[in-house]
PDB file of N, CA and C in Angstrom:
ATOM      1  N   MET A   1       1.369  11.865 -14.700  1.00  0.00           N
ATOM      2  CA  MET A   1       0.912  10.983 -14.148  1.00  0.00           C
ATOM      3  C   MET A   1       1.022  11.689 -12.749  1.00  0.00           C
ATOM      4  N   LYS A   2      -0.213  11.388 -11.617  1.00  0.00           N
ATOM      5  CA  LYS A   2       0.080  12.275 -10.916  1.00  0.00           C
ATOM      6  C   LYS A   2       0.570  11.135  -9.431  1.00  0.00           C
ATOM      7  N   GLN A   3       1.715  11.581  -8.800  1.00  0.00           N
ATOM      8  CA  GLN A   3       2.432  10.626  -7.821  1.00  0.00           C
ATOM      9  C   GLN A   3       1.751  10.780  -6.255  1.00  0.00           C
ATOM     10  N   TYR A   4       1.999   9.515  -5.692  1.00  0.00           N
ATOM     11  CA  TYR A   4       1.149   9.864  -4.144  1.00  0.00           C
ATOM     12  C   TYR A   4       2.090   8.667  -3.746  1.00  0.00           C
ATOM     13  N   VAL A   5       2.390   9.352  -2.578  1.00  0.00           N
ATOM     14  CA  VAL A   5       3.196   8.288  -1.332  1.00  0.00           C
ATOM     15  C   VAL A   5       2.054   8.096  -0.328  1.00  0.00           C
ATOM     16  N   VAL A   6       2.091   6.513  -0.061  1.00  0.00           N
ATOM     17  CA  VAL A   6       0.934   5.909   0.651  1.00  0.00           C
ATOM     18  C   VAL A   6       1.821   5.350   1.651  1.00  0.00           C
ATOM     19  N   THR A   7       1.126   6.066   2.929  1.00  0.00           N
ATOM     20  CA  THR A   7       1.740   5.564   4.086  1.00  0.00           C
ATOM     21  C   THR A   7       0.413   4.945   4.900  1.00  0.00           C
ATOM     22  N   ALA A   8       0.329   3.679   5.233  1.00  0.00           N
ATOM     23  CA  ALA A   8      -0.612   2.734   6.040  1.00  0.00           C
ATOM     24  C   ALA A   8       0.316   2.055   7.158  1.00  0.00           C
ATOM     25  N   TYR A   9      -0.315   2.332   8.120  1.00  0.00           N
ATOM     26  CA  TYR A   9       0.111   1.333   9.637  1.00  0.00           C
ATOM     27  C   TYR A   9      -1.223   0.455   9.514  1.00  0.00           C
ATOM     28  N   ASP A  10      -0.950  -1.043  10.131  1.00  0.00           N
ATOM     29  CA  ASP A  10      -1.589  -1.935  10.279  1.00  0.00           C
ATOM     30  C   ASP A  10      -2.277  -1.765  11.514  1.00  0.00           C
ATOM     31  N   PHE A  11      -3.619  -2.514  11.505  1.00  0.00           N
ATOM     32  CA  PHE A  11      -4.280  -2.559  13.070  1.00  0.00           C
ATOM     33  C   PHE A  11      -3.440  -3.387  13.679  1.00  0.00           C
ATOM     34  N   THR A  12      -3.708  -3.129  14.907  1.00  0.00           N
ATOM     35  CA  THR A  12      -3.019  -3.557  16.316  1.00  0.00           C
ATOM     36  C   THR A  12      -3.598  -4.386  17.061  1.00  0.00           C
ATOM     37  N   ASP A  13      -4.680  -5.329  16.744  1.00  0.00           N
ATOM     38  CA  ASP A  13      -5.291  -5.953  17.309  1.00  0.00           C
ATOM     39  C   ASP A  13      -4.536  -7.409  17.333  1.00  0.00           C
ATOM     40  N   ASN A  14      -4.745  -8.323  18.096  1.00  0.00           N
ATOM     41  CA  ASN A  14      -4.246  -9.771  18.245  1.00  0.00           C
ATOM     42  C   ASN A  14      -3.920 -10.867  16.781  1.00  0.00           C
ATOM     43  N   ASN A  15      -5.065 -10.201  16.206  1.00  0.00           N
ATOM     44  CA  ASN A  15      -4.828 -10.887  15.169  1.00  0.00           C
ATOM     45  C   ASN A  15      -4.321 -10.385  13.748  1.00  0.00           C
ATOM     46  N   ALA A  16      -4.127  -8.914  13.758  1.00  0.00           N
ATOM     47  CA  ALA A  16      -3.734  -8.062  12.541  1.00  0.00           C
ATOM     48  C   ALA A  16      -2.477  -8.812  11.915  1.00  0.00           C
ATOM     49  N   LEU A  17      -1.514  -9.441  12.697  1.00  0.00           N
ATOM     50  CA  LEU A  17      -0.584 -10.240  11.696  1.00  0.00           C
ATOM     51  C   LEU A  17      -0.922 -11.156  10.732  1.00  0.00           C
ATOM     52  N   ASN A  18      -1.850 -11.877  11.241  1.00  0.00           N
ATOM     53  CA  ASN A  18      -2.567 -12.973  10.546  1.00  0.00           C
ATOM     54  C   ASN A  18      -3.308 -12.813   9.581  1.00  0.00           C
ATOM     55  N   ARG A  19      -3.978 -11.161   9.652  1.00  0.00           N
ATOM     56  CA  ARG A  19      -4.814 -10.933   8.749  1.00  0.00           C
ATOM     57  C   ARG A  19      -3.810 -10.643   7.742  1.00  0.00           C
ATOM     58  N   ARG A  20      -2.627 -10.324   7.759  1.00  0.00           N
ATOM     59  CA  ARG A  20      -1.747  -9.314   6.815  1.00  0.00           C
ATOM     60  C   ARG A  20      -1.356 -10.758   5.777  1.00  0.00           C
ATOM     61  N   MET A  21      -0.917 -11.762   6.353  1.00  0.00           N
ATOM     62  CA  MET A  21      -0.414 -12.787   6.055  1.00  0.00           C
ATOM     63  C   MET A  21      -1.021 -13.660   5.313  1.00  0.00           C
ATOM     64  N   GLU A  22      -2.378 -13.836   5.339  1.00  0.00           N
ATOM     65  CA  GLU A  22      -3.808 -14.021   4.728  1.00  0.00           C
ATOM     66  C   GLU A  22      -3.976 -13.059   3.550  1.00  0.00           C
ATOM     67  N   ALA A  23      -3.830 -11.858   3.735  1.00  0.00           N
ATOM     68  CA  ALA A  23      -4.110 -11.066   2.254  1.00  0.00           C
ATOM     69  C   ALA A  23      -3.021 -10.419   1.314  1.00  0.00           C
ATOM     70  N   ARG A  24      -1.496 -11.081   1.870  1.00  0.00           N
ATOM     71  CA  ARG A  24      -0.447 -10.656   1.406  1.00  0.00           C
ATOM     72  C   ARG A  24      -0.324 -11.080   0.045  1.00  0.00           C
ATOM     73  N   PRO A  25      -0.668 -12.272  -0.279  1.00  0.00           N
ATOM     74  CA  PRO A  25      -0.338 -12.855  -1.920  1.00  0.00           C
ATOM     75  C   PRO A  25      -1.099 -12.250  -2.967  1.00  0.00           C
ATOM     76  N   ALA A  26      -2.444 -11.979  -2.140  1.00  0.00           N
ATOM     77  CA  ALA A  26      -3.484 -11.172  -3.059  1.00  0.00           C
ATOM     78  C   ALA A  26      -3.152  -9.659  -3.261  1.00  0.00           C
ATOM     79  N   HIS A  27      -2.644  -9.204  -1.957  1.00  0.00           N
ATOM     80  CA  HIS A  27      -1.914  -7.876  -2.281  1.00  0.00           C
ATOM     81  C   HIS A  27      -0.850  -7.564  -2.983  1.00  0.00           C
ATOM     82  N   LEU A  28       0.330  -8.830  -3.090  1.00  0.00           N
ATOM     83  CA  LEU A  28       1.176  -9.072  -3.971  1.00  0.00           C
ATOM     84  C   LEU A  28       0.900  -9.122  -5.408  1.00  0.00           C
ATOM     85  N   GLU A  29       0.099  -9.708  -5.528  1.00  0.00           N
ATOM     86  CA  GLU A  29      -0.594  -9.720  -6.989  1.00  0.00           C
ATOM     87  C   GLU A  29      -1.101  -8.359  -7.917  1.00  0.00           C
ATOM     88  N   GLY A  30      -1.553  -7.576  -6.593  1.00  0.00           N
ATOM     89  CA  GLY A  30      -2.078  -6.417  -7.139  1.00  0.00           C
ATOM     90  C   GLY A  30      -1.238  -5.494  -7.286  1.00  0.00           C
ATOM     91  N   VAL A  31       0.101  -5.987  -6.715  1.00  0.00           N
ATOM     92  CA  VAL A  31       1.412  -4.580  -6.741  1.00  0.00           C
ATOM     93  C   VAL A  31       1.912  -5.126  -8.034  1.00  0.00           C
ATOM     94  N   LYS A  32       1.798  -6.427  -8.614  1.00  0.00           N
ATOM     95  CA  LYS A  32       2.141  -6.814  -9.796  1.00  0.00           C
ATOM     96  C   LYS A  32       1.452  -6.586 -10.987  1.00  0.00           C
ATOM     97  N   LEU A  33       0.286  -6.264 -11.330  1.00  0.00           N
ATOM     98  CA  LEU A  33      -0.392  -5.719 -11.780  1.00  0.00           C
ATOM     99  C   LEU A  33      -0.511  -3.931 -12.122  1.00  0.00           C
ATOM    100  N   LEU A  34      -0.380  -3.552 -10.782  1.00  0.00           N
ATOM    101  CA  LEU A  34       0.171  -1.864 -11.164  1.00  0.00           C
ATOM    102  C   LEU A  34       1.544  -1.888 -11.292  1.00  0.00           C
ATOM    103  N   LYS A  35       2.519  -2.756 -11.283  1.00  0.00           N
ATOM    104  CA  LYS A  35       3.625  -2.313 -11.687  1.00  0.00           C
ATOM    105  C   LYS A  35       3.748  -2.599 -13.470  1.00  0.00           C
ATOM    106  N   HIS A  36       2.999  -3.669 -13.625  1.00  0.00           N
ATOM    107  CA  HIS A  36       2.576  -3.968 -15.115  1.00  0.00           C
ATOM    108  C   HIS A  36       1.895  -2.556 -15.949  1.00  0.00           C
ATOM    109  N   HIS A  37       1.425  -1.968 -15.447  1.00  0.00           N
ATOM    110  CA  HIS A  37       0.484  -0.922 -15.675  1.00  0.00           C
ATOM    111  C   HIS A  37       1.012   0.545 -15.589  1.00  0.00           C
ATOM    112  N   ASN A  38       2.408   0.231 -15.234  1.00  0.00           N
ATOM    113  CA  ASN A  38       3.147   1.884 -14.614  1.00  0.00           C
ATOM    114  C   ASN A  38       2.690   2.582 -13.477  1.00  0.00           C
ATOM    115  N   ASN A  39       2.084   1.843 -12.937  1.00  0.00           N
ATOM    116  CA  ASN A  39       1.188   2.574 -11.419  1.00  0.00           C
ATOM    117  C   ASN A  39       1.965   2.490 -10.118  1.00  0.00           C
ATOM    118  N   PHE A  40       2.899   1.415 -10.296  1.00  0.00           N
ATOM    119  CA  PHE A  40       4.131   1.413  -8.987  1.00  0.00           C
ATOM    120  C   PHE A  40       5.107   1.543  -9.254  1.00  0.00           C
ATOM    121  N   VAL A  41       5.611   2.699  -8.261  1.00  0.00           N
ATOM    122  CA  VAL A  41       7.357   3.192  -8.361  1.00  0.00           C
ATOM    123  C   VAL A  41       7.712   2.757  -7.111  1.00  0.00           C
ATOM    124  N   ALA A  42       7.377   2.618  -6.195  1.00  0.00           N
ATOM    125  CA  ALA A  42       8.278   1.723  -5.361  1.00  0.00           C
ATOM    126  C   ALA A  42       7.460   1.056  -3.991  1.00  0.00           C
ATOM    127  N   GLY A  43       7.841   0.628  -3.151  1.00  0.00           N
ATOM    128  CA  GLY A  43       7.045   0.137  -2.116  1.00  0.00           C
ATOM    129  C   GLY A  43       7.894  -1.132  -1.145  1.00  0.00           C
ATOM    130  N   GLY A  44       7.202  -1.107   0.054  1.00  0.00           N
ATOM    131  CA  GLY A  44       7.711  -2.156   1.273  1.00  0.00           C
ATOM    132  C   GLY A  44       6.693  -2.121   2.161  1.00  0.00           C
ATOM    133  N   ALA A  45       7.137  -2.840   3.422  1.00  0.00           N
ATOM    134  CA  ALA A  45       6.898  -3.237   4.462  1.00  0.00           C
ATOM    135  C   ALA A  45       7.317  -2.358   5.324  1.00  0.00           C
ATOM    136  N   ILE A  46       7.008  -1.619   6.746  1.00  0.00           N
ATOM    137  CA  ILE A  46       7.026  -0.910   7.756  1.00  0.00           C
ATOM    138  C   ILE A  46       7.564  -2.240   8.650  1.00  0.00           C
ATOM    139  N   LEU A  47       8.534  -1.893   9.255  1.00  0.00           N
ATOM    140  CA  LEU A  47       8.704  -3.294  10.629  1.00  0.00           C
ATOM    141  C   LEU A  47       9.189  -2.331  11.883  1.00  0.00           C
ATOM    142  N   ASN A  48       8.891  -3.173  12.605  1.00  0.00           N
ATOM    143  CA  ASN A  48       8.778  -2.666  14.209  1.00  0.00           C
ATOM    144  C   ASN A  48      10.357  -3.073  14.392  1.00  0.00           C
ATOM    145  N   ASP A  49      10.438  -2.806  15.847  1.00  0.00           N
ATOM    146  CA  ASP A  49      11.805  -3.538  16.140  1.00  0.00           C
ATOM    147  C   ASP A  49      12.204  -4.999  16.156  1.00  0.00           C
ATOM    148  N   GLN A  50      11.220  -5.397  15.997  1.00  0.00           N
ATOM    149  CA  GLN A  50      11.030  -6.907  15.875  1.00  0.00           C
ATOM    150  C   GLN A  50      11.358  -7.663  14.436  1.00  0.00           C
ATOM    151  N   ASP A  51      11.242  -6.698  13.719  1.00  0.00           N
ATOM    152  CA  ASP A  51      11.061  -6.706  12.205  1.00  0.00           C
ATOM    153  C   ASP A  51      10.308  -7.420  11.768  1.00  0.00           C
ATOM    154  N   GLN A  52       9.014  -7.278  12.461  1.00  0.00           N
ATOM    155  CA  GLN A  52       7.780  -7.494  12.020  1.00  0.00           C
ATOM    156  C   GLN A  52       6.866  -6.623  11.462  1.00  0.00           C
ATOM    157  N   MET A  53       6.169  -7.165  10.220  1.00  0.00           N
ATOM    158  CA  MET A  53       5.623  -5.975   9.617  1.00  0.00           C
ATOM    159  C   MET A  53       4.377  -5.428  10.054  1.00  0.00           C
ATOM    160  N   ILE A  54       4.396  -4.262  10.225  1.00  0.00           N
ATOM    161  CA  ILE A  54       3.431  -3.114  11.271  1.00  0.00           C
ATOM    162  C   ILE A  54       2.775  -2.308  10.248  1.00  0.00           C
ATOM    163  N   GLY A  55       3.091  -2.223   8.933  1.00  0.00           N
ATOM    164  CA  GLY A  55       2.444  -1.365   7.815  1.00  0.00           C
ATOM    165  C   GLY A  55       3.249  -1.506   6.320  1.00  0.00           C
ATOM    166  N   SER A  56       2.953  -0.317   5.936  1.00  0.00           N
ATOM    167  CA  SER A  56       3.518   0.016   4.200  1.00  0.00           C
ATOM    168  C   SER A  56       3.813   0.957   4.064  1.00  0.00           C
ATOM    169  N   VAL A  57       4.439   1.129   3.248  1.00  0.00           N
ATOM    170  CA  VAL A  57       4.848   2.360   2.336  1.00  0.00           C
ATOM    171  C   VAL A  57       4.777   2.095   0.949  1.00  0.00           C
ATOM    172  N   MET A  58       4.178   3.104   0.374  1.00  0.00           N
ATOM    173  CA  MET A  58       3.869   2.616  -1.414  1.00  0.00           C
ATOM    174  C   MET A  58       4.037   3.960  -2.292  1.00  0.00           C
ATOM    175  N   ILE A  59       4.894   4.100  -3.051  1.00  0.00           N
ATOM    176  CA  ILE A  59       4.765   5.234  -3.881  1.00  0.00           C
ATOM    177  C   ILE A  59       3.800   4.699  -5.547  1.00  0.00           C
ATOM    178  N   VAL A  60       2.872   5.156  -5.927  1.00  0.00           N
ATOM    179  CA  VAL A  60       2.360   4.917  -6.696  1.00  0.00           C
ATOM    180  C   VAL A  60       1.864   6.264  -7.584  1.00  0.00           C
ATOM    181  N   GLN A  61       1.567   6.107  -8.728  1.00  0.00           N
ATOM    182  CA  GLN A  61       1.101   6.951  -9.776  1.00  0.00           C
ATOM    183  C   GLN A  61      -0.207   6.446 -10.709  1.00  0.00           C
ATOM    184  N   PHE A  62      -0.756   7.557 -10.817  1.00  0.00           N
ATOM    185  CA  PHE A  62      -2.092   7.428 -11.628  1.00  0.00           C
ATOM    186  C   PHE A  62      -2.403   8.588 -12.520  1.00  0.00           C
ATOM    187  N   GLU A  63      -3.232   8.642 -13.376  1.00  0.00           N
ATOM    188  CA  GLU A  63      -3.735   9.928 -14.377  1.00  0.00           C
ATOM    189  C   GLU A  63      -4.534  10.574 -13.346  1.00  0.00           C
ATOM    190  N   THR A  64      -5.140  10.153 -12.332  1.00  0.00           N
ATOM    191  CA  THR A  64      -6.270  10.607 -11.561  1.00  0.00           C
ATOM    192  C   THR A  64      -6.011  10.440 -10.276  1.00  0.00           C
ATOM    193  N   GLU A  65      -6.717  11.515  -9.318  1.00  0.00           N
ATOM    194  CA  GLU A  65      -6.932  10.665  -7.900  1.00  0.00           C
ATOM    195  C   GLU A  65      -7.944   9.895  -7.736  1.00  0.00           C
ATOM    196  N   THR A  66      -9.087   9.946  -8.794  1.00  0.00           N
ATOM    197  CA  THR A  66     -10.166   9.055  -8.773  1.00  0.00           C
ATOM    198  C   THR A  66      -9.424   7.747  -9.169  1.00  0.00           C
ATOM    199  N   LEU A  67      -8.558   7.347  -9.805  1.00  0.00           N
ATOM    200  CA  LEU A  67      -8.135   6.013 -10.419  1.00  0.00           C
ATOM    201  C   LEU A  67      -7.485   5.642  -8.991  1.00  0.00           C
ATOM    202  N   MET A  68      -6.589   6.547  -8.284  1.00  0.00           N
ATOM    203  CA  MET A  68      -6.154   5.889  -7.428  1.00  0.00           C
ATOM    204  C   MET A  68      -6.663   5.556  -6.125  1.00  0.00           C
ATOM    205  N   GLN A  69      -7.919   6.494  -5.857  1.00  0.00           N
ATOM    206  CA  GLN A  69      -8.876   6.105  -4.820  1.00  0.00           C
ATOM    207  C   GLN A  69      -9.563   4.594  -5.061  1.00  0.00           C
ATOM    208  N   GLN A  70     -10.014   4.482  -6.463  1.00  0.00           N
ATOM    209  CA  GLN A  70     -10.399   3.060  -6.922  1.00  0.00           C
ATOM    210  C   GLN A  70      -9.829   1.978  -6.420  1.00  0.00           C
ATOM    211  N   TRP A  71      -8.519   2.212  -6.735  1.00  0.00           N
ATOM    212  CA  TRP A  71      -7.316   1.305  -6.366  1.00  0.00           C
ATOM    213  C   TRP A  71      -7.174   1.006  -5.164  1.00  0.00           C
ATOM    214  N   LEU A  72      -7.037   2.015  -4.170  1.00  0.00           N
ATOM    215  CA  LEU A  72      -6.796   1.905  -2.761  1.00  0.00           C
ATOM    216  C   LEU A  72      -8.134   1.078  -2.258  1.00  0.00           C
ATOM    217  N   LYS A  73      -9.494   1.374  -2.776  1.00  0.00           N
ATOM    218  CA  LYS A  73     -10.691   0.511  -1.658  1.00  0.00           C
ATOM    219  C   LYS A  73     -10.476  -0.434  -2.188  1.00  0.00           C
ATOM    220  N   ASN A  74     -10.187  -1.055  -3.227  1.00  0.00           N
ATOM    221  CA  ASN A  74     -10.041  -2.752  -3.529  1.00  0.00           C
ATOM    222  C   ASN A  74      -8.895  -3.062  -3.411  1.00  0.00           C
ATOM    223  N   ASP A  75      -7.935  -2.666  -2.545  1.00  0.00           N
ATOM    224  CA  ASP A  75      -6.543  -3.474  -2.360  1.00  0.00           C
ATOM    225  C   ASP A  75      -7.145  -4.133  -1.111  1.00  0.00           C
ATOM    226  N   PRO A  76      -6.434  -5.543  -1.350  1.00  0.00           N
ATOM    227  CA  PRO A  76      -6.424  -6.446  -0.280  1.00  0.00           C
ATOM    228  C   PRO A  76      -6.404  -6.057   1.071  1.00  0.00           C
ATOM    229  N   TYR A  77      -5.131  -5.519   1.207  1.00  0.00           N
ATOM    230  CA  TYR A  77      -5.017  -4.745   2.526  1.00  0.00           C
ATOM    231  C   TYR A  77      -5.994  -3.716   3.357  1.00  0.00           C
ATOM    232  N   VAL A  78      -6.771  -3.351   2.469  1.00  0.00           N
ATOM    233  CA  VAL A  78      -7.736  -2.010   2.928  1.00  0.00           C
ATOM    234  C   VAL A  78      -9.233  -3.559   2.948  1.00  0.00           C
ATOM    235  N   THR A  79      -9.832  -4.264   2.030  1.00  0.00           N
ATOM    236  CA  THR A  79     -10.348  -5.162   2.112  1.00  0.00           C
ATOM    237  C   THR A  79     -10.791  -5.773   3.249  1.00  0.00           C
ATOM    238  N   GLY A  80      -9.183  -6.436   3.527  1.00  0.00           N
ATOM    239  CA  GLY A  80      -8.985  -7.608   4.674  1.00  0.00           C
ATOM    240  C   GLY A  80      -8.571  -6.791   5.605  1.00  0.00           C
ATOM    241  N   GLN A  81      -9.019  -5.672   5.809  1.00  0.00           N
ATOM    242  CA  GLN A  81      -9.010  -4.954   7.159  1.00  0.00           C
ATOM    243  C   GLN A  81      -7.587  -5.179   7.960  1.00  0.00           C
ATOM    244  N   VAL A  82      -6.439  -5.057   6.925  1.00  0.00           N
ATOM    245  CA  VAL A  82      -5.154  -5.077   7.386  1.00  0.00           C
ATOM    246  C   VAL A  82      -4.713  -3.398   7.592  1.00  0.00           C
ATOM    247  N   TRP A  83      -4.948  -2.919   6.537  1.00  0.00           N
ATOM    248  CA  TRP A  83      -4.870  -1.273   7.090  1.00  0.00           C
ATOM    249  C   TRP A  83      -5.627  -0.703   7.867  1.00  0.00           C
ATOM    250  N   GLU A  84      -5.242   0.048   9.243  1.00  0.00           N
ATOM    251  CA  GLU A  84      -6.007   0.734   9.821  1.00  0.00           C
ATOM    252  C   GLU A  84      -5.721   2.008   9.668  1.00  0.00           C
ATOM    253  N   LYS A  85      -4.979   2.854   9.536  1.00  0.00           N
ATOM    254  CA  LYS A  85      -4.473   4.260   9.359  1.00  0.00           C
ATOM    255  C   LYS A  85      -4.144   4.136   7.840  1.00  0.00           C
ATOM    256  N   VAL A  86      -4.536   4.956   7.335  1.00  0.00           N
ATOM    257  CA  VAL A  86      -3.666   5.375   5.667  1.00  0.00           C
ATOM    258  C   VAL A  86      -3.766   7.080   5.600  1.00  0.00           C
ATOM    259  N   ASP A  87      -2.655   7.072   5.337  1.00  0.00           N
ATOM    260  CA  ASP A  87      -2.292   8.607   4.656  1.00  0.00           C
ATOM    261  C   ASP A  87      -1.936   8.744   3.499  1.00  0.00           C
ATOM    262  N   ILE A  88      -2.647   9.507   2.521  1.00  0.00           N
ATOM    263  CA  ILE A  88      -1.998   9.681   1.206  1.00  0.00           C
ATOM    264  C   ILE A  88      -1.448  11.254   0.768  1.00  0.00           C
ATOM    265  N   LYS A  89      -0.439  11.401   0.394  1.00  0.00           N
ATOM    266  CA  LYS A  89       0.020  12.694   0.033  1.00  0.00           C
ATOM    267  C   LYS A  89       0.335  12.656  -1.394  1.00  0.00           C
ATOM    268  N   PRO A  90       0.520  13.978  -1.957  1.00  0.00           N
ATOM    269  CA  PRO A  90       0.857  14.155  -3.170  1.00  0.00           C
ATOM    270  C   PRO A  90       2.684  13.781  -3.443  1.00  0.00           C
ATOM    271  N   PHE A  91       3.062  13.176  -4.255  1.00  0.00           N
ATOM    272  CA  PHE A  91       4.588  12.928  -3.966  1.00  0.00           C
ATOM    273  C   PHE A  91       4.984  13.579  -5.587  1.00  0.00           C
ATOM    274  N   ARG A  92       6.349  14.015  -5.701  1.00  0.00           N
ATOM    275  CA  ARG A  92       6.881  14.259  -6.731  1.00  0.00           C
ATOM    276  C   ARG A  92       8.155  13.518  -6.525  1.00  0.00           C
ATOM    277  N   GLN A  93       8.232  12.403  -7.324  1.00  0.00           N
ATOM    278  CA  GLN A  93       9.797  12.209  -7.435  1.00  0.00           C
ATOM    279  C   GLN A  93      10.947  12.851  -8.130  1.00  0.00           C
ATOM    280  N   ALA A  94      12.076  12.990  -7.397  1.00  0.00           N
ATOM    281  CA  ALA A  94      13.117  13.648  -7.965  1.00  0.00           C
ATOM    282  C   ALA A  94      13.624  13.469  -9.230  1.00  0.00           C
ATOM    283  N   ILE A  95      14.394  13.836  -9.929  1.00  0.00           N
ATOM    284  CA  ILE A  95      15.151  13.938 -11.251  1.00  0.00           C
ATOM    285  C   ILE A  95      16.366  14.165 -10.796  1.00  0.00           C
ATOM    286  N   VAL A  96      17.453  13.133 -10.890  1.00  0.00           N
ATOM    287  CA  VAL A  96      18.574  13.314 -10.410  1.00  0.00           C
ATOM    288  C   VAL A  96      19.741  12.919 -11.981  1.00  0.00           C
TER     289      VAL A  96
END
């Protein structure tokens, strides 16, 4: 499978954190499905100096980039306008 590191930063408007919190349960359910299907490697929230969530980092793996893009465009953080800027890079996990 091809691996990707997804770095996503939230919108910064006054309602951004509220949208994140509203979309969070559905996003986490989606992560559980990704994990069940062996697509989720690792991930979590990016925090600011006040420990507030301001973005996310995920390492995911899919058979094709098309499948990864399909997942991304349907993630609740995308459809719920939580993530404003999303950067995706190919990734290779080190074998230690």
